[in-house]
Amino acid sequence: GPELAITGDATALGAVILGEEPQAFRFLIGCAGWAPGQLEAELAAGAWLPADVDLSLVLDVDPDAQWDKAYEKTIGATAVAFTSTRGGSA
């Protein structure tokens, strides 16, 4: 979105750390990768829940609550609403 940026550039990271850029940021580190066609197949299978980027969700929500809040914003209900308390399999 126009309010967010993602970078792996060391110069950009240095600008944020040194206070030369806006200070609302999340620093994440990791690696994700897919085999050719894997992501498309996962999307087609419904394994992902695509949603619009929400600046407040990214910067204002506690990281431990982000998945739940994103799910609720996208679906309109919490994930627990689809959980059965009855015995047996779902």
PDB file of N, CA and C in Angstrom:
ATOM      1  N   GLY A   1       0.812  -1.187   0.000  1.00  0.00           N
ATOM      2  CA  GLY A   1       0.000   0.000   0.000  1.00  0.00           C
ATOM      3  C   GLY A   1       0.855   1.249   0.000  1.00  0.00           C
ATOM      4  N   PRO A   2       0.274   2.397  -0.178  1.00  0.00           N
ATOM      5  CA  PRO A   2       1.042   3.636  -0.253  1.00  0.00           C
ATOM      6  C   PRO A   2       1.656   4.054   1.085  1.00  0.00           C
ATOM      7  N   GLU A   3       1.203   3.464   2.181  1.00  0.00           N
ATOM      8  CA  GLU A   3       1.696   3.858   3.502  1.00  0.00           C
ATOM      9  C   GLU A   3       2.743   2.901   4.054  1.00  0.00           C
ATOM     10  N   LEU A   4       2.986   1.790   3.376  1.00  0.00           N
ATOM     11  CA  LEU A   4       3.906   0.776   3.879  1.00  0.00           C
ATOM     12  C   LEU A   4       4.957   0.437   2.836  1.00  0.00           C
ATOM     13  N   ALA A   5       6.098   0.017   3.317  1.00  0.00           N
ATOM     14  CA  ALA A   5       7.163  -0.430   2.425  1.00  0.00           C
ATOM     15  C   ALA A   5       7.868  -1.619   3.067  1.00  0.00           C
ATOM     16  N   ILE A   6       8.365  -2.490   2.239  1.00  0.00           N
ATOM     17  CA  ILE A   6       9.152  -3.635   2.693  1.00  0.00           C
ATOM     18  C   ILE A   6      10.483  -3.561   1.977  1.00  0.00           C
ATOM     19  N   THR A   7      11.546  -3.766   2.718  1.00  0.00           N
ATOM     20  CA  THR A   7      12.861  -3.704   2.087  1.00  0.00           C
ATOM     21  C   THR A   7      13.832  -4.653   2.749  1.00  0.00           C
ATOM     22  N   GLY A   8      14.783  -5.058   2.018  1.00  0.00           N
ATOM     23  CA  GLY A   8      15.911  -5.821   2.531  1.00  0.00           C
ATOM     24  C   GLY A   8      17.195  -5.019   2.359  1.00  0.00           C
ATOM     25  N   ASP A   9      17.041  -3.751   1.993  1.00  0.00           N
ATOM     26  CA  ASP A   9      18.173  -2.883   1.713  1.00  0.00           C
ATOM     27  C   ASP A   9      18.815  -2.370   3.003  1.00  0.00           C
ATOM     28  N   ALA A  10      20.102  -2.589   3.169  1.00  0.00           N
ATOM     29  CA  ALA A  10      20.804  -2.185   4.389  1.00  0.00           C
ATOM     30  C   ALA A  10      20.817  -0.674   4.576  1.00  0.00           C
ATOM     31  N   THR A  11      20.892   0.095   3.490  1.00  0.00           N
ATOM     32  CA  THR A  11      20.895   1.559   3.593  1.00  0.00           C
ATOM     33  C   THR A  11      19.557   2.052   4.142  1.00  0.00           C
ATOM     34  N   ALA A  12      18.461   1.480   3.661  1.00  0.00           N
ATOM     35  CA  ALA A  12      17.133   1.872   4.153  1.00  0.00           C
ATOM     36  C   ALA A  12      16.987   1.503   5.621  1.00  0.00           C
ATOM     37  N   LEU A  13      17.443   0.330   6.001  1.00  0.00           N
ATOM     38  CA  LEU A  13      17.383  -0.088   7.396  1.00  0.00           C
ATOM     39  C   LEU A  13      18.199   0.863   8.270  1.00  0.00           C
ATOM     40  N   GLY A  14      19.383   1.229   7.812  1.00  0.00           N
ATOM     41  CA  GLY A  14      20.224   2.177   8.552  1.00  0.00           C
ATOM     42  C   GLY A  14      19.547   3.521   8.741  1.00  0.00           C
ATOM     43  N   ALA A  15      18.809   3.990   7.714  1.00  0.00           N
ATOM     44  CA  ALA A  15      18.099   5.269   7.818  1.00  0.00           C
ATOM     45  C   ALA A  15      17.030   5.217   8.895  1.00  0.00           C
ATOM     46  N   VAL A  16      16.342   4.083   9.023  1.00  0.00           N
ATOM     47  CA  VAL A  16      15.327   3.939  10.065  1.00  0.00           C
ATOM     48  C   VAL A  16      15.986   3.892  11.436  1.00  0.00           C
ATOM     49  N   ILE A  17      17.039   3.104  11.572  1.00  0.00           N
ATOM     50  CA  ILE A  17      17.728   2.968  12.852  1.00  0.00           C
ATOM     51  C   ILE A  17      18.320   4.300  13.315  1.00  0.00           C
ATOM     52  N   LEU A  18      18.848   5.077  12.383  1.00  0.00           N
ATOM     53  CA  LEU A  18      19.468   6.357  12.728  1.00  0.00           C
ATOM     54  C   LEU A  18      18.461   7.496  12.835  1.00  0.00           C
ATOM     55  N   GLY A  19      17.191   7.208  12.626  1.00  0.00           N
ATOM     56  CA  GLY A  19      16.163   8.226  12.782  1.00  0.00           C
ATOM     57  C   GLY A  19      16.008   9.155  11.599  1.00  0.00           C
ATOM     58  N   GLU A  20      16.522   8.766  10.442  1.00  0.00           N
ATOM     59  CA  GLU A  20      16.412   9.606   9.255  1.00  0.00           C
ATOM     60  C   GLU A  20      15.108   9.375   8.507  1.00  0.00           C
ATOM     61  N   GLU A  21      14.386   8.371   8.866  1.00  0.00           N
ATOM     62  CA  GLU A  21      13.121   8.023   8.215  1.00  0.00           C
ATOM     63  C   GLU A  21      12.039   7.934   9.285  1.00  0.00           C
ATOM     64  N   PRO A  22      10.767   7.843   8.884  1.00  0.00           N
ATOM     65  CA  PRO A  22       9.684   7.720   9.877  1.00  0.00           C
ATOM     66  C   PRO A  22       9.953   6.595  10.860  1.00  0.00           C
ATOM     67  N   GLN A  23       9.559   6.793  12.092  1.00  0.00           N
ATOM     68  CA  GLN A  23       9.893   5.849  13.149  1.00  0.00           C
ATOM     69  C   GLN A  23       8.836   4.793  13.431  1.00  0.00           C
ATOM     70  N   ALA A  24       7.737   4.788  12.709  1.00  0.00           N
ATOM     71  CA  ALA A  24       6.740   3.736  12.878  1.00  0.00           C
ATOM     72  C   ALA A  24       7.160   2.571  11.997  1.00  0.00           C
ATOM     73  N   PHE A  25       7.740   1.544  12.614  1.00  0.00           N
ATOM     74  CA  PHE A  25       8.200   0.421  11.818  1.00  0.00           C
ATOM     75  C   PHE A  25       8.162  -0.863  12.624  1.00  0.00           C
ATOM     76  N   ARG A  26       8.158  -1.971  11.923  1.00  0.00           N
ATOM     77  CA  ARG A  26       8.315  -3.302  12.508  1.00  0.00           C
ATOM     78  C   ARG A  26       9.530  -3.909  11.838  1.00  0.00           C
ATOM     79  N   PHE A  27      10.410  -4.460  12.627  1.00  0.00           N
ATOM     80  CA  PHE A  27      11.591  -5.119  12.102  1.00  0.00           C
ATOM     81  C   PHE A  27      11.357  -6.622  12.178  1.00  0.00           C
ATOM     82  N   LEU A  28      11.333  -7.258  11.035  1.00  0.00           N
ATOM     83  CA  LEU A  28      11.114  -8.698  10.959  1.00  0.00           C
ATOM     84  C   LEU A  28      12.276  -9.325  10.219  1.00  0.00           C
ATOM     85  N   ILE A  29      12.644 -10.481  10.630  1.00  0.00           N
ATOM     86  CA  ILE A  29      13.721 -11.183   9.958  1.00  0.00           C
ATOM     87  C   ILE A  29      13.300 -12.638   9.752  1.00  0.00           C
ATOM     88  N   GLY A  30      13.640 -13.154   8.620  1.00  0.00           N
ATOM     89  CA  GLY A  30      13.272 -14.533   8.338  1.00  0.00           C
ATOM     90  C   GLY A  30      13.419 -14.824   6.861  1.00  0.00           C
ATOM     91  N   CYS A  31      12.967 -15.967   6.499  1.00  0.00           N
ATOM     92  CA  CYS A  31      13.068 -16.395   5.111  1.00  0.00           C
ATOM     93  C   CYS A  31      11.844 -17.241   4.776  1.00  0.00           C
ATOM     94  N   ALA A  32      11.272 -16.997   3.629  1.00  0.00           N
ATOM     95  CA  ALA A  32      10.152 -17.805   3.146  1.00  0.00           C
ATOM     96  C   ALA A  32      10.398 -18.093   1.678  1.00  0.00           C
ATOM     97  N   GLY A  33      10.062 -19.270   1.268  1.00  0.00           N
ATOM     98  CA  GLY A  33      10.246 -19.610  -0.135  1.00  0.00           C
ATOM     99  C   GLY A  33       9.297 -20.707  -0.555  1.00  0.00           C
ATOM    100  N   TRP A  34       8.994 -20.733  -1.812  1.00  0.00           N
ATOM    101  CA  TRP A  34       8.103 -21.733  -2.370  1.00  0.00           C
ATOM    102  C   TRP A  34       8.728 -22.311  -3.623  1.00  0.00           C
ATOM    103  N   ALA A  35       8.445 -23.558  -3.876  1.00  0.00           N
ATOM    104  CA  ALA A  35       8.846 -24.185  -5.132  1.00  0.00           C
ATOM    105  C   ALA A  35       8.015 -23.570  -6.254  1.00  0.00           C
ATOM    106  N   PRO A  36       8.469 -23.668  -7.499  1.00  0.00           N
ATOM    107  CA  PRO A  36       7.682 -23.120  -8.605  1.00  0.00           C
ATOM    108  C   PRO A  36       6.256 -23.678  -8.606  1.00  0.00           C
ATOM    109  N   GLY A  37       5.278 -22.768  -8.622  1.00  0.00           N
ATOM    110  CA  GLY A  37       3.878 -23.148  -8.652  1.00  0.00           C
ATOM    111  C   GLY A  37       3.272 -23.493  -7.303  1.00  0.00           C
ATOM    112  N   GLN A  38       4.092 -23.622  -6.268  1.00  0.00           N
ATOM    113  CA  GLN A  38       3.586 -24.036  -4.954  1.00  0.00           C
ATOM    114  C   GLN A  38       2.623 -23.006  -4.370  1.00  0.00           C
ATOM    115  N   LEU A  39       2.987 -21.729  -4.391  1.00  0.00           N
ATOM    116  CA  LEU A  39       2.123 -20.703  -3.810  1.00  0.00           C
ATOM    117  C   LEU A  39       0.789 -20.634  -4.557  1.00  0.00           C
ATOM    118  N   GLU A  40       0.833 -20.698  -5.872  1.00  0.00           N
ATOM    119  CA  GLU A  40      -0.399 -20.676  -6.661  1.00  0.00           C
ATOM    120  C   GLU A  40      -1.293 -21.855  -6.301  1.00  0.00           C
ATOM    121  N   ALA A  41      -0.694 -23.022  -6.107  1.00  0.00           N
ATOM    122  CA  ALA A  41      -1.469 -24.210  -5.733  1.00  0.00           C
ATOM    123  C   ALA A  41      -2.068 -24.052  -4.337  1.00  0.00           C
ATOM    124  N   GLU A  42      -1.311 -23.479  -3.407  1.00  0.00           N
ATOM    125  CA  GLU A  42      -1.819 -23.260  -2.057  1.00  0.00           C
ATOM    126  C   GLU A  42      -2.969 -22.251  -2.068  1.00  0.00           C
ATOM    127  N   LEU A  43      -2.851 -21.195  -2.873  1.00  0.00           N
ATOM    128  CA  LEU A  43      -3.938 -20.220  -3.000  1.00  0.00           C
ATOM    129  C   LEU A  43      -5.186 -20.885  -3.577  1.00  0.00           C
ATOM    130  N   ALA A  44      -5.010 -21.682  -4.618  1.00  0.00           N
ATOM    131  CA  ALA A  44      -6.141 -22.371  -5.254  1.00  0.00           C
ATOM    132  C   ALA A  44      -6.815 -23.343  -4.289  1.00  0.00           C
ATOM    133  N   ALA A  45      -6.037 -23.933  -3.381  1.00  0.00           N
ATOM    134  CA  ALA A  45      -6.573 -24.895  -2.412  1.00  0.00           C
ATOM    135  C   ALA A  45      -7.234 -24.203  -1.214  1.00  0.00           C
ATOM    136  N   GLY A  46      -7.101 -22.881  -1.136  1.00  0.00           N
ATOM    137  CA  GLY A  46      -7.699 -22.151  -0.017  1.00  0.00           C
ATOM    138  C   GLY A  46      -6.855 -22.164   1.240  1.00  0.00           C
ATOM    139  N   ALA A  47      -5.567 -22.456   1.107  1.00  0.00           N
ATOM    140  CA  ALA A  47      -4.681 -22.506   2.271  1.00  0.00           C
ATOM    141  C   ALA A  47      -4.308 -21.114   2.777  1.00  0.00           C
ATOM    142  N   TRP A  48      -4.513 -20.097   1.966  1.00  0.00           N
ATOM    143  CA  TRP A  48      -4.198 -18.724   2.332  1.00  0.00           C
ATOM    144  C   TRP A  48      -5.481 -17.906   2.356  1.00  0.00           C
ATOM    145  N   LEU A  49      -5.496 -16.869   3.155  1.00  0.00           N
ATOM    146  CA  LEU A  49      -6.632 -15.967   3.244  1.00  0.00           C
ATOM    147  C   LEU A  49      -6.155 -14.576   2.820  1.00  0.00           C
ATOM    148  N   PRO A  50      -6.166 -14.295   1.521  1.00  0.00           N
ATOM    149  CA  PRO A  50      -5.687 -12.981   1.056  1.00  0.00           C
ATOM    150  C   PRO A  50      -6.553 -11.859   1.607  1.00  0.00           C
ATOM    151  N   ALA A  51      -5.908 -10.747   1.943  1.00  0.00           N
ATOM    152  CA  ALA A  51      -6.623  -9.592   2.495  1.00  0.00           C
ATOM    153  C   ALA A  51      -5.862  -8.327   2.143  1.00  0.00           C
ATOM    154  N   ASP A  52      -6.556  -7.202   2.186  1.00  0.00           N
ATOM    155  CA  ASP A  52      -5.917  -5.919   1.955  1.00  0.00           C
ATOM    156  C   ASP A  52      -4.971  -5.596   3.108  1.00  0.00           C
ATOM    157  N   VAL A  53      -3.948  -4.818   2.812  1.00  0.00           N
ATOM    158  CA  VAL A  53      -3.009  -4.368   3.832  1.00  0.00           C
ATOM    159  C   VAL A  53      -3.707  -3.323   4.695  1.00  0.00           C
ATOM    160  N   ASP A  54      -3.525  -3.408   6.002  1.00  0.00           N
ATOM    161  CA  ASP A  54      -4.128  -2.475   6.949  1.00  0.00           C
ATOM    162  C   ASP A  54      -3.006  -1.914   7.823  1.00  0.00           C
ATOM    163  N   LEU A  55      -2.692  -0.640   7.635  1.00  0.00           N
ATOM    164  CA  LEU A  55      -1.587  -0.008   8.353  1.00  0.00           C
ATOM    165  C   LEU A  55      -1.721  -0.154   9.860  1.00  0.00           C
ATOM    166  N   SER A  56      -2.907   0.068  10.406  1.00  0.00           N
ATOM    167  CA  SER A  56      -3.078  -0.029  11.855  1.00  0.00           C
ATOM    168  C   SER A  56      -2.874  -1.462  12.337  1.00  0.00           C
ATOM    169  N   LEU A  57      -3.267  -2.436  11.528  1.00  0.00           N
ATOM    170  CA  LEU A  57      -3.059  -3.833  11.900  1.00  0.00           C
ATOM    171  C   LEU A  57      -1.569  -4.159  11.954  1.00  0.00           C
ATOM    172  N   VAL A  58      -0.822  -3.622  11.029  1.00  0.00           N
ATOM    173  CA  VAL A  58       0.620  -3.891  10.969  1.00  0.00           C
ATOM    174  C   VAL A  58       1.372  -3.194  12.096  1.00  0.00           C
ATOM    175  N   LEU A  59       1.035  -1.934  12.375  1.00  0.00           N
ATOM    176  CA  LEU A  59       1.833  -1.142  13.313  1.00  0.00           C
ATOM    177  C   LEU A  59       1.247  -0.996  14.714  1.00  0.00           C
ATOM    178  N   ASP A  60      -0.066  -1.119  14.860  1.00  0.00           N
ATOM    179  CA  ASP A  60      -0.683  -0.815  16.146  1.00  0.00           C
ATOM    180  C   ASP A  60      -1.106  -2.031  16.963  1.00  0.00           C
ATOM    181  N   VAL A  61      -1.216  -3.175  16.344  1.00  0.00           N
ATOM    182  CA  VAL A  61      -1.681  -4.377  17.036  1.00  0.00           C
ATOM    183  C   VAL A  61      -0.492  -5.159  17.579  1.00  0.00           C
ATOM    184  N   ASP A  62      -0.619  -5.632  18.801  1.00  0.00           N
ATOM    185  CA  ASP A  62       0.414  -6.458  19.414  1.00  0.00           C
ATOM    186  C   ASP A  62       0.718  -7.634  18.483  1.00  0.00           C
ATOM    187  N   PRO A  63       1.991  -7.878  18.172  1.00  0.00           N
ATOM    188  CA  PRO A  63       2.339  -8.970  17.261  1.00  0.00           C
ATOM    189  C   PRO A  63       1.721 -10.318  17.640  1.00  0.00           C
ATOM    190  N   ASP A  64       1.557 -10.586  18.925  1.00  0.00           N
ATOM    191  CA  ASP A  64       0.967 -11.849  19.354  1.00  0.00           C
ATOM    192  C   ASP A  64      -0.521 -11.944  18.998  1.00  0.00           C
ATOM    193  N   ALA A  65      -1.151 -10.804  18.724  1.00  0.00           N
ATOM    194  CA  ALA A  65      -2.578 -10.788  18.411  1.00  0.00           C
ATOM    195  C   ALA A  65      -2.860 -10.524  16.931  1.00  0.00           C
ATOM    196  N   GLN A  66      -1.829 -10.296  16.132  1.00  0.00           N
ATOM    197  CA  GLN A  66      -2.038  -9.894  14.745  1.00  0.00           C
ATOM    198  C   GLN A  66      -2.798 -10.930  13.919  1.00  0.00           C
ATOM    199  N   TRP A  67      -2.453 -12.195  14.036  1.00  0.00           N
ATOM    200  CA  TRP A  67      -3.131 -13.206  13.229  1.00  0.00           C
ATOM    201  C   TRP A  67      -4.619 -13.212  13.550  1.00  0.00           C
ATOM    202  N   ASP A  68      -4.962 -13.226  14.830  1.00  0.00           N
ATOM    203  CA  ASP A  68      -6.367 -13.246  15.231  1.00  0.00           C
ATOM    204  C   ASP A  68      -7.107 -11.996  14.749  1.00  0.00           C
ATOM    205  N   LYS A  69      -6.486 -10.833  14.895  1.00  0.00           N
ATOM    206  CA  LYS A  69      -7.123  -9.582  14.474  1.00  0.00           C
ATOM    207  C   LYS A  69      -7.287  -9.538  12.951  1.00  0.00           C
ATOM    208  N   ALA A  70      -6.282  -9.996  12.212  1.00  0.00           N
ATOM    209  CA  ALA A  70      -6.382 -10.021  10.751  1.00  0.00           C
ATOM    210  C   ALA A  70      -7.488 -10.960  10.300  1.00  0.00           C
ATOM    211  N   TYR A  71      -7.573 -12.112  10.928  1.00  0.00           N
ATOM    212  CA  TYR A  71      -8.617 -13.079  10.600  1.00  0.00           C
ATOM    213  C   TYR A  71      -9.997 -12.477  10.860  1.00  0.00           C
ATOM    214  N   GLU A  72     -10.161 -11.872  12.025  1.00  0.00           N
ATOM    215  CA  GLU A  72     -11.445 -11.281  12.382  1.00  0.00           C
ATOM    216  C   GLU A  72     -11.820 -10.150  11.420  1.00  0.00           C
ATOM    217  N   LYS A  73     -10.862  -9.320  11.062  1.00  0.00           N
ATOM    218  CA  LYS A  73     -11.133  -8.209  10.144  1.00  0.00           C
ATOM    219  C   LYS A  73     -11.531  -8.731   8.775  1.00  0.00           C
ATOM    220  N   THR A  74     -10.906  -9.784   8.312  1.00  0.00           N
ATOM    221  CA  THR A  74     -11.174 -10.324   6.976  1.00  0.00           C
ATOM    222  C   THR A  74     -12.456 -11.131   6.918  1.00  0.00           C
ATOM    223  N   ILE A  75     -12.689 -11.977   7.910  1.00  0.00           N
ATOM    224  CA  ILE A  75     -13.842 -12.879   7.914  1.00  0.00           C
ATOM    225  C   ILE A  75     -15.069 -12.242   8.564  1.00  0.00           C
ATOM    226  N   GLY A  76     -14.844 -11.399   9.568  1.00  0.00           N
ATOM    227  CA  GLY A  76     -15.957 -10.801  10.285  1.00  0.00           C
ATOM    228  C   GLY A  76     -16.300 -11.549  11.560  1.00  0.00           C
ATOM    229  N   ALA A  77     -15.521 -12.563  11.880  1.00  0.00           N
ATOM    230  CA  ALA A  77     -15.717 -13.345  13.111  1.00  0.00           C
ATOM    231  C   ALA A  77     -14.356 -13.875  13.536  1.00  0.00           C
ATOM    232  N   THR A  78     -14.235 -14.204  14.806  1.00  0.00           N
ATOM    233  CA  THR A  78     -12.979 -14.772  15.280  1.00  0.00           C
ATOM    234  C   THR A  78     -12.886 -16.237  14.854  1.00  0.00           C
ATOM    235  N   ALA A  79     -11.681 -16.749  14.781  1.00  0.00           N
ATOM    236  CA  ALA A  79     -11.479 -18.146  14.391  1.00  0.00           C
ATOM    237  C   ALA A  79     -12.148 -19.093  15.378  1.00  0.00           C
ATOM    238  N   VAL A  80     -12.214 -18.705  16.642  1.00  0.00           N
ATOM    239  CA  VAL A  80     -12.827 -19.557  17.655  1.00  0.00           C
ATOM    240  C   VAL A  80     -14.327 -19.744  17.388  1.00  0.00           C
ATOM    241  N   ALA A  81     -14.930 -18.848  16.616  1.00  0.00           N
ATOM    242  CA  ALA A  81     -16.348 -18.988  16.285  1.00  0.00           C
ATOM    243  C   ALA A  81     -16.608 -20.238  15.456  1.00  0.00           C
ATOM    244  N   PHE A  82     -15.560 -20.763  14.828  1.00  0.00           N
ATOM    245  CA  PHE A  82     -15.707 -21.952  13.987  1.00  0.00           C
ATOM    246  C   PHE A  82     -15.178 -23.195  14.681  1.00  0.00           C
ATOM    247  N   THR A  83     -14.961 -23.122  15.986  1.00  0.00           N
ATOM    248  CA  THR A  83     -14.441 -24.241  16.754  1.00  0.00           C
ATOM    249  C   THR A  83     -15.581 -24.909  17.512  1.00  0.00           C
ATOM    250  N   SER A  84     -15.655 -26.209  17.416  1.00  0.00           N
ATOM    251  CA  SER A  84     -16.688 -26.949  18.119  1.00  0.00           C
ATOM    252  C   SER A  84     -16.199 -27.317  19.510  1.00  0.00           C
ATOM    253  N   THR A  85     -17.082 -27.233  20.481  1.00  0.00           N
ATOM    254  CA  THR A  85     -16.761 -27.671  21.840  1.00  0.00           C
ATOM    255  C   THR A  85     -17.288 -29.075  22.096  1.00  0.00           C
ATOM    256  N   ARG A  86     -17.925 -29.659  21.098  1.00  0.00           N
ATOM    257  CA  ARG A  86     -18.454 -31.008  21.231  1.00  0.00           C
ATOM    258  C   ARG A  86     -17.365 -32.028  20.908  1.00  0.00           C
ATOM    259  N   GLY A  87     -17.498 -33.196  21.443  1.00  0.00           N
ATOM    260  CA  GLY A  87     -16.532 -34.248  21.161  1.00  0.00           C
ATOM    261  C   GLY A  87     -16.652 -34.745  19.740  1.00  0.00           C
ATOM    262  N   GLY A  88     -15.682 -35.511  19.316  1.00  0.00           N
ATOM    263  CA  GLY A  88     -15.700 -36.058  17.958  1.00  0.00           C
ATOM    264  C   GLY A  88     -14.822 -35.244  17.041  1.00  0.00           C
ATOM    265  N   SER A  89     -14.934 -35.527  15.762  1.00  0.00           N
ATOM    266  CA  SER A  89     -14.104 -34.824  14.802  1.00  0.00           C
ATOM    267  C   SER A  89     -14.920 -33.757  14.096  1.00  0.00           C
ATOM    268  N   ALA A  90     -14.214 -32.758  13.616  1.00  0.00           N
ATOM    269  CA  ALA A  90     -14.888 -31.649  12.936  1.00  0.00           C
ATOM    270  C   ALA A  90     -14.953 -31.900  11.461  1.00  0.00           C
TER     271      ALA A  90
END
